[in-house]
């Protein structure tokens, strides 16, 4: 617990329930968003659309996404949600 007057409250995002729900919705949209990728199929390079979900390299994040529930402690999912909020903010800004 922090008293008023201590800490830096001018920066960051309050992690309220609606903000977390919005961040999870942005994360879901990003994971399902297809991106073009060049693959070698039958000796030919072809451009195929693959969702971002299949491009994730973090096994720990994938495990936490699979087992996610609202009561658990899922720091990687929360961090990725905050990253999606920052990404959305930058996309709106530019």
PDB file of N, CA and C in Angstrom:
ATOM      1  N   UNK A   1       0.836  -1.180   0.000  1.00  0.00           N
ATOM      2  CA  UNK A   1       0.000   0.000   0.000  1.00  0.00           C
ATOM      3  C   UNK A   1       0.882   1.244   0.000  1.00  0.00           C
ATOM      4  N   UNK A   2       0.454   2.202  -0.768  1.00  0.00           N
ATOM      5  CA  UNK A   2       1.207   3.442  -0.843  1.00  0.00           C
ATOM      6  C   UNK A   2       0.340   4.589  -0.347  1.00  0.00           C
ATOM      7  N   UNK A   3       0.968   5.516   0.333  1.00  0.00           N
ATOM      8  CA  UNK A   3       0.256   6.702   0.785  1.00  0.00           C
ATOM      9  C   UNK A   3       0.210   7.722  -0.337  1.00  0.00           C
ATOM     10  N   UNK A   4      -0.762   8.623  -0.273  1.00  0.00           N
ATOM     11  CA  UNK A   4      -0.824   9.690  -1.260  1.00  0.00           C
ATOM     12  C   UNK A   4       0.426  10.549  -1.173  1.00  0.00           C
ATOM     13  N   UNK A   5       0.936  10.941  -2.324  1.00  0.00           N
ATOM     14  CA  UNK A   5       2.121  11.782  -2.347  1.00  0.00           C
ATOM     15  C   UNK A   5       3.388  11.005  -2.634  1.00  0.00           C
ATOM     16  N   UNK A   6       3.350   9.696  -2.542  1.00  0.00           N
ATOM     17  CA  UNK A   6       4.529   8.883  -2.812  1.00  0.00           C
ATOM     18  C   UNK A   6       4.358   8.164  -4.140  1.00  0.00           C
ATOM     19  N   UNK A   7       5.433   7.953  -4.843  1.00  0.00           N
ATOM     20  CA  UNK A   7       5.380   7.225  -6.106  1.00  0.00           C
ATOM     21  C   UNK A   7       5.117   8.153  -7.270  1.00  0.00           C
ATOM     22  N   UNK A   8       5.188   7.620  -8.447  1.00  0.00           N
ATOM     23  CA  UNK A   8       4.974   8.389  -9.659  1.00  0.00           C
ATOM     24  C   UNK A   8       3.660   7.959 -10.285  1.00  0.00           C
ATOM     25  N   UNK A   9       2.627   8.736 -10.083  1.00  0.00           N
ATOM     26  CA  UNK A   9       1.313   8.387 -10.603  1.00  0.00           C
ATOM     27  C   UNK A   9       1.031   9.037 -11.950  1.00  0.00           C
ATOM     28  N   UNK A  10       1.991   9.796 -12.475  1.00  0.00           N
ATOM     29  CA  UNK A  10       1.794  10.459 -13.757  1.00  0.00           C
ATOM     30  C   UNK A  10       2.056   9.508 -14.925  1.00  0.00           C
ATOM     31  N   UNK A  11       2.742   8.417 -14.683  1.00  0.00           N
ATOM     32  CA  UNK A  11       3.102   7.474 -15.743  1.00  0.00           C
ATOM     33  C   UNK A  11       2.432   6.137 -15.491  1.00  0.00           C
ATOM     34  N   UNK A  12       2.280   5.365 -16.567  1.00  0.00           N
ATOM     35  CA  UNK A  12       1.772   4.010 -16.416  1.00  0.00           C
ATOM     36  C   UNK A  12       0.280   3.910 -16.674  1.00  0.00           C
ATOM     37  N   UNK A  13      -0.244   2.709 -16.475  1.00  0.00           N
ATOM     38  CA  UNK A  13      -1.647   2.412 -16.711  1.00  0.00           C
ATOM     39  C   UNK A  13      -2.239   1.781 -15.473  1.00  0.00           C
ATOM     40  N   UNK A  14      -3.391   2.272 -15.048  1.00  0.00           N
ATOM     41  CA  UNK A  14      -4.098   1.633 -13.945  1.00  0.00           C
ATOM     42  C   UNK A  14      -4.666   0.312 -14.448  1.00  0.00           C
ATOM     43  N   UNK A  15      -4.438  -0.744 -13.719  1.00  0.00           N
ATOM     44  CA  UNK A  15      -4.879  -2.068 -14.162  1.00  0.00           C
ATOM     45  C   UNK A  15      -6.241  -2.388 -13.559  1.00  0.00           C
ATOM     46  N   UNK A  16      -7.256  -1.658 -13.986  1.00  0.00           N
ATOM     47  CA  UNK A  16      -8.611  -1.941 -13.510  1.00  0.00           C
ATOM     48  C   UNK A  16      -9.208  -3.063 -14.356  1.00  0.00           C
ATOM     49  N   UNK A  17     -10.325  -3.597 -13.921  1.00  0.00           N
ATOM     50  CA  UNK A  17     -10.965  -4.714 -14.631  1.00  0.00           C
ATOM     51  C   UNK A  17     -11.337  -4.354 -16.076  1.00  0.00           C
ATOM     52  N   UNK A  18     -11.944  -3.182 -16.345  1.00  0.00           N
ATOM     53  CA  UNK A  18     -12.265  -2.862 -17.740  1.00  0.00           C
ATOM     54  C   UNK A  18     -11.021  -2.689 -18.617  1.00  0.00           C
ATOM     55  N   UNK A  19      -9.972  -2.108 -18.068  1.00  0.00           N
ATOM     56  CA  UNK A  19      -8.742  -1.921 -18.843  1.00  0.00           C
ATOM     57  C   UNK A  19      -8.098  -3.267 -19.138  1.00  0.00           C
ATOM     58  N   UNK A  20      -8.075  -4.170 -18.154  1.00  0.00           N
ATOM     59  CA  UNK A  20      -7.528  -5.505 -18.392  1.00  0.00           C
ATOM     60  C   UNK A  20      -8.346  -6.266 -19.432  1.00  0.00           C
ATOM     61  N   UNK A  21      -9.665  -6.119 -19.394  1.00  0.00           N
ATOM     62  CA  UNK A  21     -10.516  -6.783 -20.386  1.00  0.00           C
ATOM     63  C   UNK A  21     -10.241  -6.233 -21.783  1.00  0.00           C
ATOM     64  N   UNK A  22     -10.062  -4.927 -21.890  1.00  0.00           N
ATOM     65  CA  UNK A  22      -9.748  -4.311 -23.175  1.00  0.00           C
ATOM     66  C   UNK A  22      -8.384  -4.791 -23.676  1.00  0.00           C
ATOM     67  N   UNK A  23      -7.409  -4.891 -22.763  1.00  0.00           N
ATOM     68  CA  UNK A  23      -6.072  -5.362 -23.142  1.00  0.00           C
ATOM     69  C   UNK A  23      -6.131  -6.810 -23.621  1.00  0.00           C
ATOM     70  N   UNK A  24      -6.904  -7.661 -22.944  1.00  0.00           N
ATOM     71  CA  UNK A  24      -7.040  -9.052 -23.379  1.00  0.00           C
ATOM     72  C   UNK A  24      -7.727  -9.141 -24.746  1.00  0.00           C
ATOM     73  N   UNK A  25      -8.693  -8.251 -25.001  1.00  0.00           N
ATOM     74  CA  UNK A  25      -9.361  -8.221 -26.299  1.00  0.00           C
ATOM     75  C   UNK A  25      -8.377  -7.805 -27.397  1.00  0.00           C
ATOM     76  N   UNK A  26      -7.543  -6.799 -27.125  1.00  0.00           N
ATOM     77  CA  UNK A  26      -6.514  -6.394 -28.089  1.00  0.00           C
ATOM     78  C   UNK A  26      -5.518  -7.517 -28.338  1.00  0.00           C
ATOM     79  N   UNK A  27      -5.135  -8.224 -27.278  1.00  0.00           N
ATOM     80  CA  UNK A  27      -4.199  -9.340 -27.401  1.00  0.00           C
ATOM     81  C   UNK A  27      -4.801 -10.450 -28.255  1.00  0.00           C
ATOM     82  N   UNK A  28      -6.064 -10.765 -28.012  1.00  0.00           N
ATOM     83  CA  UNK A  28      -6.743 -11.798 -28.803  1.00  0.00           C
ATOM     84  C   UNK A  28      -6.786 -11.403 -30.278  1.00  0.00           C
ATOM     85  N   UNK A  29      -7.127 -10.151 -30.546  1.00  0.00           N
ATOM     86  CA  UNK A  29      -7.186  -9.679 -31.928  1.00  0.00           C
ATOM     87  C   UNK A  29      -5.816  -9.775 -32.604  1.00  0.00           C
ATOM     88  N   UNK A  30      -4.770  -9.403 -31.868  1.00  0.00           N
ATOM     89  CA  UNK A  30      -3.426  -9.460 -32.431  1.00  0.00           C
ATOM     90  C   UNK A  30      -2.995 -10.895 -32.692  1.00  0.00           C
ATOM     91  N   UNK A  31      -3.295 -11.806 -31.766  1.00  0.00           N
ATOM     92  CA  UNK A  31      -2.906 -13.200 -31.935  1.00  0.00           C
ATOM     93  C   UNK A  31      -3.572 -13.833 -33.155  1.00  0.00           C
ATOM     94  N   UNK A  32      -4.814 -13.456 -33.431  1.00  0.00           N
ATOM     95  CA  UNK A  32      -5.558 -14.040 -34.540  1.00  0.00           C
ATOM     96  C   UNK A  32      -5.350 -13.303 -35.861  1.00  0.00           C
ATOM     97  N   UNK A  33      -4.695 -12.147 -35.824  1.00  0.00           N
ATOM     98  CA  UNK A  33      -4.462 -11.356 -37.030  1.00  0.00           C
ATOM     99  C   UNK A  33      -3.478 -12.072 -37.957  1.00  0.00           C
ATOM    100  N   UNK A  34      -3.885 -12.386 -39.197  1.00  0.00           N
ATOM    101  CA  UNK A  34      -2.965 -13.069 -40.105  1.00  0.00           C
ATOM    102  C   UNK A  34      -1.954 -12.102 -40.719  1.00  0.00           C
ATOM    103  N   UNK A  35      -0.728 -12.583 -40.857  1.00  0.00           N
ATOM    104  CA  UNK A  35       0.335 -11.801 -41.480  1.00  0.00           C
ATOM    105  C   UNK A  35       0.919 -12.610 -42.633  1.00  0.00           C
ATOM    106  N   UNK A  36       1.322 -11.942 -43.715  1.00  0.00           N
ATOM    107  CA  UNK A  36       1.889 -12.686 -44.848  1.00  0.00           C
ATOM    108  C   UNK A  36       3.285 -13.213 -44.518  1.00  0.00           C
ATOM    109  N   UNK A  37       3.519 -14.468 -44.897  1.00  0.00           N
ATOM    110  CA  UNK A  37       4.802 -15.121 -44.680  1.00  0.00           C
ATOM    111  C   UNK A  37       5.156 -15.906 -45.934  1.00  0.00           C
ATOM    112  N   UNK A  38       6.418 -15.879 -46.308  1.00  0.00           N
ATOM    113  CA  UNK A  38       6.875 -16.630 -47.472  1.00  0.00           C
ATOM    114  C   UNK A  38       7.293 -18.021 -47.012  1.00  0.00           C
ATOM    115  N   UNK A  39       6.692 -19.052 -47.630  1.00  0.00           N
ATOM    116  CA  UNK A  39       7.049 -20.436 -47.323  1.00  0.00           C
ATOM    117  C   UNK A  39       7.390 -21.161 -48.612  1.00  0.00           C
ATOM    118  N   UNK A  40       8.287 -22.130 -48.501  1.00  0.00           N
ATOM    119  CA  UNK A  40       8.668 -22.942 -49.637  1.00  0.00           C
ATOM    120  C   UNK A  40       7.739 -24.145 -49.692  1.00  0.00           C
ATOM    121  N   UNK A  41       6.845 -24.169 -50.679  1.00  0.00           N
ATOM    122  CA  UNK A  41       5.877 -25.250 -50.844  1.00  0.00           C
ATOM    123  C   UNK A  41       6.137 -25.894 -52.195  1.00  0.00           C
ATOM    124  N   UNK A  42       6.498 -27.187 -52.179  1.00  0.00           N
ATOM    125  CA  UNK A  42       6.799 -27.944 -53.402  1.00  0.00           C
ATOM    126  C   UNK A  42       7.862 -27.268 -54.261  1.00  0.00           C
ATOM    127  N   UNK A  43       8.893 -26.722 -53.617  1.00  0.00           N
ATOM    128  CA  UNK A  43       9.990 -26.108 -54.345  1.00  0.00           C
ATOM    129  C   UNK A  43       9.727 -24.691 -54.807  1.00  0.00           C
ATOM    130  N   UNK A  44       8.546 -24.159 -54.544  1.00  0.00           N
ATOM    131  CA  UNK A  44       8.224 -22.790 -54.932  1.00  0.00           C
ATOM    132  C   UNK A  44       8.000 -21.942 -53.686  1.00  0.00           C
ATOM    133  N   UNK A  45       8.473 -20.705 -53.738  1.00  0.00           N
ATOM    134  CA  UNK A  45       8.216 -19.776 -52.653  1.00  0.00           C
ATOM    135  C   UNK A  45       6.835 -19.177 -52.844  1.00  0.00           C
ATOM    136  N   UNK A  46       5.979 -19.394 -51.860  1.00  0.00           N
ATOM    137  CA  UNK A  46       4.621 -18.856 -51.922  1.00  0.00           C
ATOM    138  C   UNK A  46       4.351 -18.028 -50.682  1.00  0.00           C
ATOM    139  N   UNK A  47       3.541 -17.003 -50.854  1.00  0.00           N
ATOM    140  CA  UNK A  47       3.153 -16.155 -49.737  1.00  0.00           C
ATOM    141  C   UNK A  47       1.859 -16.710 -49.144  1.00  0.00           C
ATOM    142  N   UNK A  48       1.918 -17.065 -47.857  1.00  0.00           N
ATOM    143  CA  UNK A  48       0.748 -17.591 -47.162  1.00  0.00           C
ATOM    144  C   UNK A  48       0.461 -16.706 -45.955  1.00  0.00           C
ATOM    145  N   UNK A  49      -0.794 -16.715 -45.531  1.00  0.00           N
ATOM    146  CA  UNK A  49      -1.200 -15.918 -44.373  1.00  0.00           C
ATOM    147  C   UNK A  49      -1.197 -16.815 -43.133  1.00  0.00           C
ATOM    148  N   UNK A  50      -0.431 -16.411 -42.112  1.00  0.00           N
ATOM    149  CA  UNK A  50      -0.310 -17.175 -40.872  1.00  0.00           C
ATOM    150  C   UNK A  50      -0.653 -16.246 -39.707  1.00  0.00           C
ATOM    151  N   UNK A  51      -1.512 -16.677 -38.766  1.00  0.00           N
ATOM    152  CA  UNK A  51      -1.810 -15.831 -37.603  1.00  0.00           C
ATOM    153  C   UNK A  51      -0.563 -15.592 -36.742  1.00  0.00           C
ATOM    154  N   UNK A  52      -0.522 -14.451 -36.079  1.00  0.00           N
ATOM    155  CA  UNK A  52       0.600 -14.120 -35.200  1.00  0.00           C
ATOM    156  C   UNK A  52       0.808 -15.167 -34.116  1.00  0.00           C
ATOM    157  N   UNK A  53      -0.244 -15.874 -33.741  1.00  0.00           N
ATOM    158  CA  UNK A  53      -0.157 -16.912 -32.713  1.00  0.00           C
ATOM    159  C   UNK A  53       0.926 -17.926 -33.039  1.00  0.00           C
ATOM    160  N   UNK A  54       1.074 -18.272 -34.308  1.00  0.00           N
ATOM    161  CA  UNK A  54       2.046 -19.272 -34.708  1.00  0.00           C
ATOM    162  C   UNK A  54       3.456 -18.706 -34.833  1.00  0.00           C
ATOM    163  N   UNK A  55       3.622 -17.413 -34.642  1.00  0.00           N
ATOM    164  CA  UNK A  55       4.934 -16.802 -34.722  1.00  0.00           C
ATOM    165  C   UNK A  55       5.522 -16.510 -33.337  1.00  0.00           C
ATOM    166  N   UNK A  56       4.740 -16.743 -32.269  1.00  0.00           N
ATOM    167  CA  UNK A  56       5.247 -16.528 -30.911  1.00  0.00           C
ATOM    168  C   UNK A  56       6.353 -17.521 -30.606  1.00  0.00           C
ATOM    169  N   UNK A  57       7.420 -17.051 -29.979  1.00  0.00           N
ATOM    170  CA  UNK A  57       8.555 -17.913 -29.651  1.00  0.00           C
ATOM    171  C   UNK A  57       8.604 -18.279 -28.173  1.00  0.00           C
ATOM    172  N   UNK A  58       7.846 -17.590 -27.352  1.00  0.00           N
ATOM    173  CA  UNK A  58       7.908 -17.815 -25.916  1.00  0.00           C
ATOM    174  C   UNK A  58       6.974 -18.960 -25.515  1.00  0.00           C
ATOM    175  N   UNK A  59       7.569 -20.097 -25.165  1.00  0.00           N
ATOM    176  CA  UNK A  59       6.764 -21.236 -24.728  1.00  0.00           C
ATOM    177  C   UNK A  59       6.039 -20.932 -23.432  1.00  0.00           C
ATOM    178  N   UNK A  60       6.694 -20.194 -22.544  1.00  0.00           N
ATOM    179  CA  UNK A  60       6.072 -19.861 -21.261  1.00  0.00           C
ATOM    180  C   UNK A  60       4.831 -18.995 -21.464  1.00  0.00           C
ATOM    181  N   UNK A  61       4.897 -18.029 -22.384  1.00  0.00           N
ATOM    182  CA  UNK A  61       3.731 -17.196 -22.681  1.00  0.00           C
ATOM    183  C   UNK A  61       2.615 -18.038 -23.277  1.00  0.00           C
ATOM    184  N   UNK A  62       2.951 -18.946 -24.185  1.00  0.00           N
ATOM    185  CA  UNK A  62       1.938 -19.817 -24.771  1.00  0.00           C
ATOM    186  C   UNK A  62       1.257 -20.676 -23.713  1.00  0.00           C
ATOM    187  N   UNK A  63       2.036 -21.218 -22.783  1.00  0.00           N
ATOM    188  CA  UNK A  63       1.461 -22.029 -21.703  1.00  0.00           C
ATOM    189  C   UNK A  63       0.528 -21.199 -20.834  1.00  0.00           C
ATOM    190  N   UNK A  64       0.949 -19.961 -20.529  1.00  0.00           N
ATOM    191  CA  UNK A  64       0.099 -19.098 -19.712  1.00  0.00           C
ATOM    192  C   UNK A  64      -1.162 -18.694 -20.469  1.00  0.00           C
ATOM    193  N   UNK A  65      -1.072 -18.466 -21.767  1.00  0.00           N
ATOM    194  CA  UNK A  65      -2.265 -18.147 -22.556  1.00  0.00           C
ATOM    195  C   UNK A  65      -3.240 -19.314 -22.575  1.00  0.00           C
ATOM    196  N   UNK A  66      -2.718 -20.530 -22.658  1.00  0.00           N
ATOM    197  CA  UNK A  66      -3.576 -21.713 -22.678  1.00  0.00           C
ATOM    198  C   UNK A  66      -4.278 -21.900 -21.343  1.00  0.00           C
ATOM    199  N   UNK A  67      -3.554 -21.719 -20.242  1.00  0.00           N
ATOM    200  CA  UNK A  67      -4.112 -21.991 -18.910  1.00  0.00           C
ATOM    201  C   UNK A  67      -4.697 -20.752 -18.234  1.00  0.00           C
ATOM    202  N   UNK A  68      -4.835 -19.654 -18.950  1.00  0.00           N
ATOM    203  CA  UNK A  68      -5.275 -18.397 -18.347  1.00  0.00           C
ATOM    204  C   UNK A  68      -6.670 -18.506 -17.725  1.00  0.00           C
ATOM    205  N   UNK A  69      -6.804 -17.965 -16.529  1.00  0.00           N
ATOM    206  CA  UNK A  69      -8.099 -17.742 -15.877  1.00  0.00           C
ATOM    207  C   UNK A  69      -7.985 -16.479 -15.043  1.00  0.00           C
ATOM    208  N   UNK A  70      -9.102 -15.922 -14.623  1.00  0.00           N
ATOM    209  CA  UNK A  70      -9.080 -14.623 -13.948  1.00  0.00           C
ATOM    210  C   UNK A  70      -8.522 -14.694 -12.531  1.00  0.00           C
ATOM    211  N   UNK A  71      -8.523 -15.866 -11.893  1.00  0.00           N
ATOM    212  CA  UNK A  71      -8.052 -15.967 -10.515  1.00  0.00           C
ATOM    213  C   UNK A  71      -6.555 -16.212 -10.399  1.00  0.00           C
ATOM    214  N   UNK A  72      -5.912 -16.667 -11.472  1.00  0.00           N
ATOM    215  CA  UNK A  72      -4.501 -17.031 -11.403  1.00  0.00           C
ATOM    216  C   UNK A  72      -3.561 -15.847 -11.518  1.00  0.00           C
ATOM    217  N   UNK A  73      -2.273 -16.144 -11.322  1.00  0.00           N
ATOM    218  CA  UNK A  73      -1.216 -15.146 -11.442  1.00  0.00           C
ATOM    219  C   UNK A  73      -0.494 -15.396 -12.761  1.00  0.00           C
ATOM    220  N   UNK A  74      -0.838 -14.620 -13.788  1.00  0.00           N
ATOM    221  CA  UNK A  74      -0.290 -14.809 -15.117  1.00  0.00           C
ATOM    222  C   UNK A  74       0.417 -13.524 -15.533  1.00  0.00           C
ATOM    223  N   UNK A  75       1.663 -13.389 -15.082  1.00  0.00           N
ATOM    224  CA  UNK A  75       2.419 -12.161 -15.305  1.00  0.00           C
ATOM    225  C   UNK A  75       2.731 -11.923 -16.780  1.00  0.00           C
ATOM    226  N   UNK A  76       3.026 -12.974 -17.511  1.00  0.00           N
ATOM    227  CA  UNK A  76       3.360 -12.803 -18.929  1.00  0.00           C
ATOM    228  C   UNK A  76       2.152 -12.332 -19.731  1.00  0.00           C
ATOM    229  N   UNK A  77       0.969 -12.859 -19.412  1.00  0.00           N
ATOM    230  CA  UNK A  77      -0.247 -12.431 -20.101  1.00  0.00           C
ATOM    231  C   UNK A  77      -0.539 -10.969 -19.758  1.00  0.00           C
ATOM    232  N   UNK A  78      -0.350 -10.594 -18.499  1.00  0.00           N
ATOM    233  CA  UNK A  78      -0.564  -9.206 -18.097  1.00  0.00           C
ATOM    234  C   UNK A  78       0.424  -8.274 -18.783  1.00  0.00           C
ATOM    235  N   UNK A  79       1.678  -8.684 -18.857  1.00  0.00           N
ATOM    236  CA  UNK A  79       2.697  -7.863 -19.518  1.00  0.00           C
ATOM    237  C   UNK A  79       2.395  -7.726 -21.009  1.00  0.00           C
ATOM    238  N   UNK A  80       1.965  -8.809 -21.638  1.00  0.00           N
ATOM    239  CA  UNK A  80       1.620  -8.748 -23.061  1.00  0.00           C
ATOM    240  C   UNK A  80       0.396  -7.858 -23.269  1.00  0.00           C
ATOM    241  N   UNK A  81      -0.545  -7.886 -22.334  1.00  0.00           N
ATOM    242  CA  UNK A  81      -1.710  -7.004 -22.407  1.00  0.00           C
ATOM    243  C   UNK A  81      -1.307  -5.544 -22.319  1.00  0.00           C
ATOM    244  N   UNK A  82      -0.380  -5.218 -21.427  1.00  0.00           N
ATOM    245  CA  UNK A  82       0.100  -3.840 -21.308  1.00  0.00           C
ATOM    246  C   UNK A  82       0.845  -3.430 -22.573  1.00  0.00           C
ATOM    247  N   UNK A  83       1.561  -4.367 -23.184  1.00  0.00           N
ATOM    248  CA  UNK A  83       2.235  -4.095 -24.450  1.00  0.00           C
ATOM    249  C   UNK A  83       1.216  -3.801 -25.549  1.00  0.00           C
ATOM    250  N   UNK A  84       0.102  -4.527 -25.553  1.00  0.00           N
ATOM    251  CA  UNK A  84      -0.945  -4.284 -26.550  1.00  0.00           C
ATOM    252  C   UNK A  84      -1.592  -2.916 -26.336  1.00  0.00           C
ATOM    253  N   UNK A  85      -1.755  -2.501 -25.076  1.00  0.00           N
ATOM    254  CA  UNK A  85      -2.283  -1.164 -24.801  1.00  0.00           C
ATOM    255  C   UNK A  85      -1.326  -0.091 -25.305  1.00  0.00           C
ATOM    256  N   UNK A  86      -0.030  -0.282 -25.071  1.00  0.00           N
ATOM    257  CA  UNK A  86       0.971   0.674 -25.553  1.00  0.00           C
ATOM    258  C   UNK A  86       0.980   0.697 -27.082  1.00  0.00           C
ATOM    259  N   UNK A  87       0.881  -0.475 -27.696  1.00  0.00           N
ATOM    260  CA  UNK A  87       0.839  -0.563 -29.157  1.00  0.00           C
ATOM    261  C   UNK A  87      -0.384   0.183 -29.712  1.00  0.00           C
ATOM    262  N   UNK A  88      -1.532  -0.021 -29.093  1.00  0.00           N
ATOM    263  CA  UNK A  88      -2.764   0.652 -29.540  1.00  0.00           C
ATOM    264  C   UNK A  88      -2.633   2.163 -29.379  1.00  0.00           C
ATOM    265  N   UNK A  89      -2.034   2.600 -28.283  1.00  0.00           N
ATOM    266  CA  UNK A  89      -1.828   4.025 -28.052  1.00  0.00           C
ATOM    267  C   UNK A  89      -0.927   4.627 -29.131  1.00  0.00           C
ATOM    268  N   UNK A  90       0.157   3.921 -29.468  1.00  0.00           N
ATOM    269  CA  UNK A  90       1.062   4.403 -30.505  1.00  0.00           C
ATOM    270  C   UNK A  90       0.394   4.392 -31.881  1.00  0.00           C
ATOM    271  N   UNK A  91      -0.442   3.408 -32.157  1.00  0.00           N
ATOM    272  CA  UNK A  91      -1.125   3.343 -33.453  1.00  0.00           C
ATOM    273  C   UNK A  91      -2.114   4.512 -33.584  1.00  0.00           C
ATOM    274  N   UNK A  92      -2.777   4.869 -32.503  1.00  0.00           N
ATOM    275  CA  UNK A  92      -3.699   5.998 -32.528  1.00  0.00           C
ATOM    276  C   UNK A  92      -2.930   7.303 -32.681  1.00  0.00           C
ATOM    277  N   UNK A  93      -1.796   7.400 -32.007  1.00  0.00           N
ATOM    278  CA  UNK A  93      -0.986   8.606 -32.027  1.00  0.00           C
ATOM    279  C   UNK A  93      -0.419   8.872 -33.413  1.00  0.00           C
ATOM    280  N   UNK A  94       0.032   7.818 -34.093  1.00  0.00           N
ATOM    281  CA  UNK A  94       0.641   7.995 -35.408  1.00  0.00           C
ATOM    282  C   UNK A  94      -0.312   7.644 -36.508  1.00  0.00           C
TER     283      UNK A  94
END
